[in-house]
Full PDB file with SEQRES, HELIX, SHEET, SSBOND, CRYST1, ORIGX, SCALE, CONECT and MASTER records, all heavy atoms in Angstrom:
SEQRES   1 A   29  GLY SER ALA ASP ARG LEU THR GLY MET TYR PHE GLU PRO          
SEQRES   2 A   29  GLU ALA ASP ALA HIS HIS PHE VAL PHE ALA CYS THR VAL          
SEQRES   3 A   29  GLU PRO GLY                                                  
SHEET    1 AA1 2 SER A   2  GLU A  12  0                                        
SHEET    2 AA1 2 ALA A  17  THR A  25 -1                                        
CRYST1    1.000    1.000    1.000  90.00  90.00  90.00 P 1           1          
ORIGX1      1.000000  0.000000  0.000000        0.00000                         
ORIGX2      0.000000  1.000000  0.000000        0.00000                         
ORIGX3      0.000000  0.000000  1.000000        0.00000                         
SCALE1      1.000000  0.000000  0.000000        0.00000                         
SCALE2      0.000000  1.000000  0.000000        0.00000                         
SCALE3      0.000000  0.000000  1.000000        0.00000                         
ATOM      1  N   GLY A   1       3.343 -95.302  41.969  1.00  0.00           N  
ATOM      2  CA  GLY A   1       2.908 -96.476  42.713  1.00  0.00           C  
ATOM      3  C   GLY A   1       2.382 -97.574  41.812  1.00  0.00           C  
ATOM      4  O   GLY A   1       2.315 -97.413  40.591  1.00  0.00           O  
ATOM      5  N   SER A   2       2.024 -98.658  42.441  1.00  0.00           N  
ATOM      6  CA  SER A   2       1.360 -99.756  41.745  1.00  0.00           C  
ATOM      7  C   SER A   2       0.163-100.165  42.585  1.00  0.00           C  
ATOM      8  O   SER A   2       0.196-100.084  43.818  1.00  0.00           O  
ATOM      9  CB  SER A   2       2.315-100.933  41.533  1.00  0.00           C  
ATOM     10  OG  SER A   2       2.772-101.414  42.777  1.00  0.00           O  
ATOM     11  N   ALA A   3      -0.891-100.580  41.914  1.00  0.00           N  
ATOM     12  CA  ALA A   3      -2.110-101.002  42.608  1.00  0.00           C  
ATOM     13  C   ALA A   3      -1.993-102.474  42.961  1.00  0.00           C  
ATOM     14  O   ALA A   3      -1.616-103.293  42.123  1.00  0.00           O  
ATOM     15  CB  ALA A   3      -3.323-100.745  41.736  1.00  0.00           C  
ATOM     16  N   ASP A   4      -2.312-102.798  44.212  1.00  0.00           N  
ATOM     17  CA  ASP A   4      -2.231-104.170  44.690  1.00  0.00           C  
ATOM     18  C   ASP A   4      -3.582-104.869  44.717  1.00  0.00           C  
ATOM     19  O   ASP A   4      -3.687-106.041  44.390  1.00  0.00           O  
ATOM     20  CB  ASP A   4      -1.624-104.206  46.089  1.00  0.00           C  
ATOM     21  CG  ASP A   4      -0.233-103.600  46.129  1.00  0.00           C  
ATOM     22  OD1 ASP A   4       0.525-103.777  45.153  1.00  0.00           O  
ATOM     23  OD2 ASP A   4       0.091-102.937  47.132  1.00  0.00           O  
ATOM     24  N   ARG A   5      -4.606-104.127  45.136  1.00  0.00           N  
ATOM     25  CA  ARG A   5      -5.941-104.729  45.231  1.00  0.00           C  
ATOM     26  C   ARG A   5      -6.994-103.647  45.375  1.00  0.00           C  
ATOM     27  O   ARG A   5      -6.696-102.528  45.799  1.00  0.00           O  
ATOM     28  CB  ARG A   5      -6.024-105.704  46.401  1.00  0.00           C  
ATOM     29  CG  ARG A   5      -5.856-105.051  47.746  1.00  0.00           C  
ATOM     30  CD  ARG A   5      -5.811-106.080  48.892  1.00  0.00           C  
ATOM     31  NE  ARG A   5      -5.407-105.436  50.127  1.00  0.00           N  
ATOM     32  CZ  ARG A   5      -6.221-104.775  50.947  1.00  0.00           C  
ATOM     33  NH1 ARG A   5      -7.512-104.687  50.673  1.00  0.00           N  
ATOM     34  NH2 ARG A   5      -5.775-104.214  52.041  1.00  0.00           N  
ATOM     35  N   LEU A   6      -8.212-104.007  45.022  1.00  0.00           N  
ATOM     36  CA  LEU A   6      -9.366-103.134  45.202  1.00  0.00           C  
ATOM     37  C   LEU A   6      -9.818-103.252  46.655  1.00  0.00           C  
ATOM     38  O   LEU A   6      -9.980-104.370  47.163  1.00  0.00           O  
ATOM     39  CB  LEU A   6     -10.487-103.567  44.257  1.00  0.00           C  
ATOM     40  CG  LEU A   6     -11.774-102.771  44.254  1.00  0.00           C  
ATOM     41  CD1 LEU A   6     -11.539-101.353  43.748  1.00  0.00           C  
ATOM     42  CD2 LEU A   6     -12.811-103.478  43.372  1.00  0.00           C  
ATOM     43  N   THR A   7      -9.990-102.123  47.344  1.00  0.00           N  
ATOM     44  CA  THR A   7     -10.436-102.163  48.738  1.00  0.00           C  
ATOM     45  C   THR A   7     -11.901-101.763  48.894  1.00  0.00           C  
ATOM     46  O   THR A   7     -12.488-101.995  49.935  1.00  0.00           O  
ATOM     47  CB  THR A   7      -9.582-101.256  49.643  1.00  0.00           C  
ATOM     48  OG1 THR A   7      -9.768 -99.899  49.249  1.00  0.00           O  
ATOM     49  CG2 THR A   7      -8.118-101.644  49.569  1.00  0.00           C  
ATOM     50  N   GLY A   8     -12.480-101.135  47.871  1.00  0.00           N  
ATOM     51  CA  GLY A   8     -13.875-100.745  47.972  1.00  0.00           C  
ATOM     52  C   GLY A   8     -14.404-100.120  46.702  1.00  0.00           C  
ATOM     53  O   GLY A   8     -13.652 -99.537  45.923  1.00  0.00           O  
ATOM     54  N   MET A   9     -15.705-100.324  46.503  1.00  0.00           N  
ATOM     55  CA  MET A   9     -16.453 -99.682  45.404  1.00  0.00           C  
ATOM     56  C   MET A   9     -17.614 -98.948  46.059  1.00  0.00           C  
ATOM     57  O   MET A   9     -18.299 -99.503  46.918  1.00  0.00           O  
ATOM     58  CB  MET A   9     -17.047-100.722  44.453  1.00  0.00           C  
ATOM     59  CG  MET A   9     -16.066-101.499  43.643  1.00  0.00           C  
ATOM     60  SD  MET A   9     -16.934-102.596  42.482  1.00  0.00           S  
ATOM     61  CE  MET A   9     -17.753-103.738  43.614  1.00  0.00           C  
ATOM     62  N   TYR A  10     -17.849 -97.726  45.611  1.00  0.00           N  
ATOM     63  CA  TYR A  10     -18.870 -96.891  46.233  1.00  0.00           C  
ATOM     64  C   TYR A  10     -19.688 -96.205  45.156  1.00  0.00           C  
ATOM     65  O   TYR A  10     -19.177 -95.848  44.103  1.00  0.00           O  
ATOM     66  CB  TYR A  10     -18.209 -95.831  47.133  1.00  0.00           C  
ATOM     67  CG  TYR A  10     -17.279 -96.443  48.142  1.00  0.00           C  
ATOM     68  CD1 TYR A  10     -15.939 -96.675  47.832  1.00  0.00           C  
ATOM     69  CD2 TYR A  10     -17.744 -96.831  49.387  1.00  0.00           C  
ATOM     70  CE1 TYR A  10     -15.084 -97.264  48.741  1.00  0.00           C  
ATOM     71  CE2 TYR A  10     -16.893 -97.424  50.310  1.00  0.00           C  
ATOM     72  CZ  TYR A  10     -15.566 -97.642  49.978  1.00  0.00           C  
ATOM     73  OH  TYR A  10     -14.724 -98.232  50.883  1.00  0.00           O  
ATOM     74  N   PHE A  11     -20.968 -95.993  45.454  1.00  0.00           N  
ATOM     75  CA  PHE A  11     -21.817 -95.197  44.573  1.00  0.00           C  
ATOM     76  C   PHE A  11     -22.330 -94.027  45.387  1.00  0.00           C  
ATOM     77  O   PHE A  11     -22.921 -94.204  46.454  1.00  0.00           O  
ATOM     78  CB  PHE A  11     -22.988 -95.998  44.012  1.00  0.00           C  
ATOM     79  CG  PHE A  11     -23.884 -95.160  43.154  1.00  0.00           C  
ATOM     80  CD1 PHE A  11     -23.434 -94.632  41.957  1.00  0.00           C  
ATOM     81  CD2 PHE A  11     -25.180 -94.869  43.554  1.00  0.00           C  
ATOM     82  CE1 PHE A  11     -24.244 -93.832  41.166  1.00  0.00           C  
ATOM     83  CE2 PHE A  11     -26.003 -94.079  42.774  1.00  0.00           C  
ATOM     84  CZ  PHE A  11     -25.536 -93.560  41.579  1.00  0.00           C  
ATOM     85  N   GLU A  12     -22.072 -92.838  44.882  1.00  0.00           N  
ATOM     86  CA  GLU A  12     -22.505 -91.616  45.543  1.00  0.00           C  
ATOM     87  C   GLU A  12     -23.660 -91.027  44.726  1.00  0.00           C  
ATOM     88  O   GLU A  12     -23.432 -90.344  43.720  1.00  0.00           O  
ATOM     89  CB  GLU A  12     -21.328 -90.641  45.626  1.00  0.00           C  
ATOM     90  CG  GLU A  12     -21.579 -89.450  46.489  1.00  0.00           C  
ATOM     91  CD  GLU A  12     -20.344 -88.577  46.638  1.00  0.00           C  
ATOM     92  OE1 GLU A  12     -19.356 -88.743  45.906  1.00  0.00           O  
ATOM     93  OE2 GLU A  12     -20.396 -87.690  47.502  1.00  0.00           O  
ATOM     94  N   PRO A  13     -24.932 -91.307  45.129  1.00  0.00           N  
ATOM     95  CA  PRO A  13     -26.081 -90.831  44.354  1.00  0.00           C  
ATOM     96  C   PRO A  13     -26.096 -89.320  44.173  1.00  0.00           C  
ATOM     97  O   PRO A  13     -26.482 -88.823  43.121  1.00  0.00           O  
ATOM     98  CB  PRO A  13     -27.298 -91.288  45.169  1.00  0.00           C  
ATOM     99  CG  PRO A  13     -26.801 -92.391  46.034  1.00  0.00           C  
ATOM    100  CD  PRO A  13     -25.355 -92.087  46.299  1.00  0.00           C  
ATOM    101  N   GLU A  14     -25.670 -88.581  45.202  1.00  0.00           N  
ATOM    102  CA  GLU A  14     -25.684 -87.124  45.148  1.00  0.00           C  
ATOM    103  C   GLU A  14     -24.845 -86.603  43.979  1.00  0.00           C  
ATOM    104  O   GLU A  14     -25.174 -85.611  43.349  1.00  0.00           O  
ATOM    105  CB  GLU A  14     -25.157 -86.567  46.471  1.00  0.00           C  
ATOM    106  CG  GLU A  14     -25.305 -85.085  46.609  1.00  0.00           C  
ATOM    107  CD  GLU A  14     -24.892 -84.635  47.998  1.00  0.00           C  
ATOM    108  OE1 GLU A  14     -25.763 -84.609  48.884  1.00  0.00           O  
ATOM    109  OE2 GLU A  14     -23.707 -84.324  48.187  1.00  0.00           O  
ATOM    110  N   ALA A  15     -23.759 -87.297  43.659  1.00  0.00           N  
ATOM    111  CA  ALA A  15     -22.875 -86.891  42.558  1.00  0.00           C  
ATOM    112  C   ALA A  15     -23.072 -87.764  41.328  1.00  0.00           C  
ATOM    113  O   ALA A  15     -22.447 -87.517  40.296  1.00  0.00           O  
ATOM    114  CB  ALA A  15     -21.420 -86.972  43.004  1.00  0.00           C  
ATOM    115  N   ASP A  16     -23.951 -88.778  41.428  1.00  0.00           N  
ATOM    116  CA  ASP A  16     -24.170 -89.746  40.354  1.00  0.00           C  
ATOM    117  C   ASP A  16     -22.828 -90.308  39.862  1.00  0.00           C  
ATOM    118  O   ASP A  16     -22.521 -90.299  38.677  1.00  0.00           O  
ATOM    119  CB  ASP A  16     -24.943 -89.118  39.187  1.00  0.00           C  
ATOM    120  CG  ASP A  16     -25.419 -90.174  38.186  1.00  0.00           C  
ATOM    121  OD1 ASP A  16     -25.566 -91.350  38.585  1.00  0.00           O  
ATOM    122  OD2 ASP A  16     -25.614 -89.821  37.002  1.00  0.00           O  
ATOM    123  N   ALA A  17     -22.013 -90.764  40.833  1.00  0.00           N  
ATOM    124  CA  ALA A  17     -20.670 -91.227  40.489  1.00  0.00           C  
ATOM    125  C   ALA A  17     -20.302 -92.488  41.260  1.00  0.00           C  
ATOM    126  O   ALA A  17     -20.672 -92.645  42.424  1.00  0.00           O  
ATOM    127  CB  ALA A  17     -19.651 -90.133  40.785  1.00  0.00           C  
ATOM    128  N   HIS A  18     -19.575 -93.356  40.584  1.00  0.00           N  
ATOM    129  CA  HIS A  18     -18.967 -94.514  41.226  1.00  0.00           C  
ATOM    130  C   HIS A  18     -17.533 -94.155  41.600  1.00  0.00           C  
ATOM    131  O   HIS A  18     -16.848 -93.459  40.852  1.00  0.00           O  
ATOM    132  CB  HIS A  18     -18.966 -95.725  40.288  1.00  0.00           C  
ATOM    133  CG  HIS A  18     -20.287 -96.385  40.208  1.00  0.00           C  
ATOM    134  ND1 HIS A  18     -21.261 -95.987  39.311  1.00  0.00           N  
ATOM    135  CD2 HIS A  18     -20.808 -97.413  40.911  1.00  0.00           C  
ATOM    136  CE1 HIS A  18     -22.330 -96.749  39.467  1.00  0.00           C  
ATOM    137  NE2 HIS A  18     -22.086 -97.615  40.432  1.00  0.00           N  
ATOM    138  N   HIS A  19     -17.083 -94.644  42.756  1.00  0.00           N  
ATOM    139  CA  HIS A  19     -15.727 -94.412  43.246  1.00  0.00           C  
ATOM    140  C   HIS A  19     -15.083 -95.761  43.543  1.00  0.00           C  
ATOM    141  O   HIS A  19     -15.719 -96.634  44.131  1.00  0.00           O  
ATOM    142  CB  HIS A  19     -15.740 -93.588  44.543  1.00  0.00           C  
ATOM    143  CG  HIS A  19     -16.332 -92.237  44.403  1.00  0.00           C  
ATOM    144  ND1 HIS A  19     -15.583 -91.132  44.073  1.00  0.00           N  
ATOM    145  CD2 HIS A  19     -17.602 -91.808  44.544  1.00  0.00           C  
ATOM    146  CE1 HIS A  19     -16.379 -90.081  44.021  1.00  0.00           C  
ATOM    147  NE2 HIS A  19     -17.606 -90.456  44.300  1.00  0.00           N  
ATOM    148  N   PHE A  20     -13.844 -95.906  43.164  1.00  0.00           N  
ATOM    149  CA  PHE A  20     -13.073 -97.114  43.428  1.00  0.00           C  
ATOM    150  C   PHE A  20     -11.859 -96.730  44.259  1.00  0.00           C  
ATOM    151  O   PHE A  20     -11.248 -95.690  44.022  1.00  0.00           O  
ATOM    152  CB  PHE A  20     -12.610 -97.750  42.111  1.00  0.00           C  
ATOM    153  CG  PHE A  20     -13.738 -98.190  41.234  1.00  0.00           C  
ATOM    154  CD1 PHE A  20     -14.373 -97.287  40.387  1.00  0.00           C  
ATOM    155  CD2 PHE A  20     -14.177 -99.507  41.260  1.00  0.00           C  
ATOM    156  CE1 PHE A  20     -15.417 -97.683  39.574  1.00  0.00           C  
ATOM    157  CE2 PHE A  20     -15.227 -99.906  40.453  1.00  0.00           C  
ATOM    158  CZ  PHE A  20     -15.854 -99.001  39.604  1.00  0.00           C  
ATOM    159  N   VAL A  21     -11.507 -97.559  45.223  1.00  0.00           N  
ATOM    160  CA  VAL A  21     -10.319 -97.321  46.042  1.00  0.00           C  
ATOM    161  C   VAL A  21      -9.414 -98.541  45.914  1.00  0.00           C  
ATOM    162  O   VAL A  21      -9.873 -99.679  46.048  1.00  0.00           O  
ATOM    163  CB  VAL A  21     -10.673 -97.063  47.520  1.00  0.00           C  
ATOM    164  CG1 VAL A  21      -9.417 -96.825  48.343  1.00  0.00           C  
ATOM    165  CG2 VAL A  21     -11.627 -95.881  47.645  1.00  0.00           C  
ATOM    166  N   PHE A  22      -8.129 -98.274  45.669  1.00  0.00           N  
ATOM    167  CA  PHE A  22      -7.146 -99.341  45.499  1.00  0.00           C  
ATOM    168  C   PHE A  22      -6.043 -99.191  46.529  1.00  0.00           C  
ATOM    169  O   PHE A  22      -5.509 -98.096  46.716  1.00  0.00           O  
ATOM    170  CB  PHE A  22      -6.525 -99.272  44.097  1.00  0.00           C  
ATOM    171  CG  PHE A  22      -7.529 -99.475  43.008  1.00  0.00           C  
ATOM    172  CD1 PHE A  22      -8.156 -98.376  42.423  1.00  0.00           C  
ATOM    173  CD2 PHE A  22      -7.878-100.738  42.587  1.00  0.00           C  
ATOM    174  CE1 PHE A  22      -9.105 -98.548  41.426  1.00  0.00           C  
ATOM    175  CE2 PHE A  22      -8.825-100.929  41.595  1.00  0.00           C  
ATOM    176  CZ  PHE A  22      -9.443 -99.834  41.010  1.00  0.00           C  
ATOM    177  N   ALA A  23      -5.697-100.305  47.183  1.00  0.00           N  
ATOM    178  CA  ALA A  23      -4.506-100.320  48.027  1.00  0.00           C  
ATOM    179  C   ALA A  23      -3.319-100.269  47.086  1.00  0.00           C  
ATOM    180  O   ALA A  23      -3.230-101.053  46.143  1.00  0.00           O  
ATOM    181  CB  ALA A  23      -4.472-101.588  48.872  1.00  0.00           C  
ATOM    182  N   CYS A  24      -2.437 -99.326  47.314  1.00  0.00           N  
ATOM    183  CA  CYS A  24      -1.292 -99.112  46.427  1.00  0.00           C  
ATOM    184  C   CYS A  24       0.010 -99.157  47.209  1.00  0.00           C  
ATOM    185  O   CYS A  24       0.051 -98.848  48.392  1.00  0.00           O  
ATOM    186  CB  CYS A  24      -1.413 -97.761  45.720  1.00  0.00           C  
ATOM    187  SG  CYS A  24      -2.836 -97.647  44.616  1.00  0.00           S  
ATOM    188  N   THR A  25       1.055 -99.538  46.510  1.00  0.00           N  
ATOM    189  CA  THR A  25       2.396 -99.562  47.061  1.00  0.00           C  
ATOM    190  C   THR A  25       3.228 -98.513  46.340  1.00  0.00           C  
ATOM    191  O   THR A  25       3.107 -98.365  45.125  1.00  0.00           O  
ATOM    192  CB  THR A  25       3.036-100.949  46.838  1.00  0.00           C  
ATOM    193  OG1 THR A  25       2.176-101.941  47.400  1.00  0.00           O  
ATOM    194  CG2 THR A  25       4.399-101.036  47.490  1.00  0.00           C  
ATOM    195  N   VAL A  26       4.047 -97.794  47.078  1.00  0.00           N  
ATOM    196  CA  VAL A  26       4.974 -96.825  46.494  1.00  0.00           C  
ATOM    197  C   VAL A  26       6.402 -97.272  46.824  1.00  0.00           C  
ATOM    198  O   VAL A  26       6.613 -98.136  47.679  1.00  0.00           O  
ATOM    199  CB  VAL A  26       4.706 -95.392  46.994  1.00  0.00           C  
ATOM    200  CG1 VAL A  26       3.315 -94.935  46.583  1.00  0.00           C  
ATOM    201  CG2 VAL A  26       4.874 -95.277  48.491  1.00  0.00           C  
ATOM    202  N   GLU A  27       7.369 -96.644  46.145  1.00  0.00           N  
ATOM    203  CA  GLU A  27       8.772 -96.990  46.384  1.00  0.00           C  
ATOM    204  C   GLU A  27       9.135 -96.765  47.841  1.00  0.00           C  
ATOM    205  O   GLU A  27       8.826 -95.708  48.401  1.00  0.00           O  
ATOM    206  CB  GLU A  27       9.680 -96.132  45.513  1.00  0.00           C  
ATOM    207  CG  GLU A  27       9.650 -96.468  44.056  1.00  0.00           C  
ATOM    208  CD  GLU A  27      10.645 -95.622  43.269  1.00  0.00           C  
ATOM    209  OE1 GLU A  27      11.710 -95.259  43.824  1.00  0.00           O  
ATOM    210  OE2 GLU A  27      10.331 -95.331  42.115  1.00  0.00           O  
ATOM    211  N   PRO A  28       9.832 -97.722  48.463  1.00  0.00           N  
ATOM    212  CA  PRO A  28      10.261 -97.526  49.850  1.00  0.00           C  
ATOM    213  C   PRO A  28      11.148 -96.280  49.965  1.00  0.00           C  
ATOM    214  O   PRO A  28      12.010 -96.043  49.124  1.00  0.00           O  
ATOM    215  CB  PRO A  28      11.063 -98.790  50.162  1.00  0.00           C  
ATOM    216  CG  PRO A  28      10.598 -99.805  49.160  1.00  0.00           C  
ATOM    217  CD  PRO A  28      10.217 -99.027  47.937  1.00  0.00           C  
ATOM    218  N   GLY A  29      10.876 -95.492  50.988  1.00  0.00           N  
ATOM    219  CA  GLY A  29      11.671 -94.292  51.227  1.00  0.00           C  
ATOM    220  C   GLY A  29      11.247 -93.072  50.440  1.00  0.00           C  
ATOM    221  O   GLY A  29      11.711 -91.969  50.721  1.00  0.00           O  
TER     222      GLY A  29                                                      
MASTER        0    0    0    0    2    0    0    6  221    1    0    3          
END                                                                             
């Protein structure tokens, strides 16, 4: 796939981790 845009950034204190989510496109079909 390819990343099109960032949809969210999250911080999970319990895991002491940042998470990023990207809207992605994959090959049709």
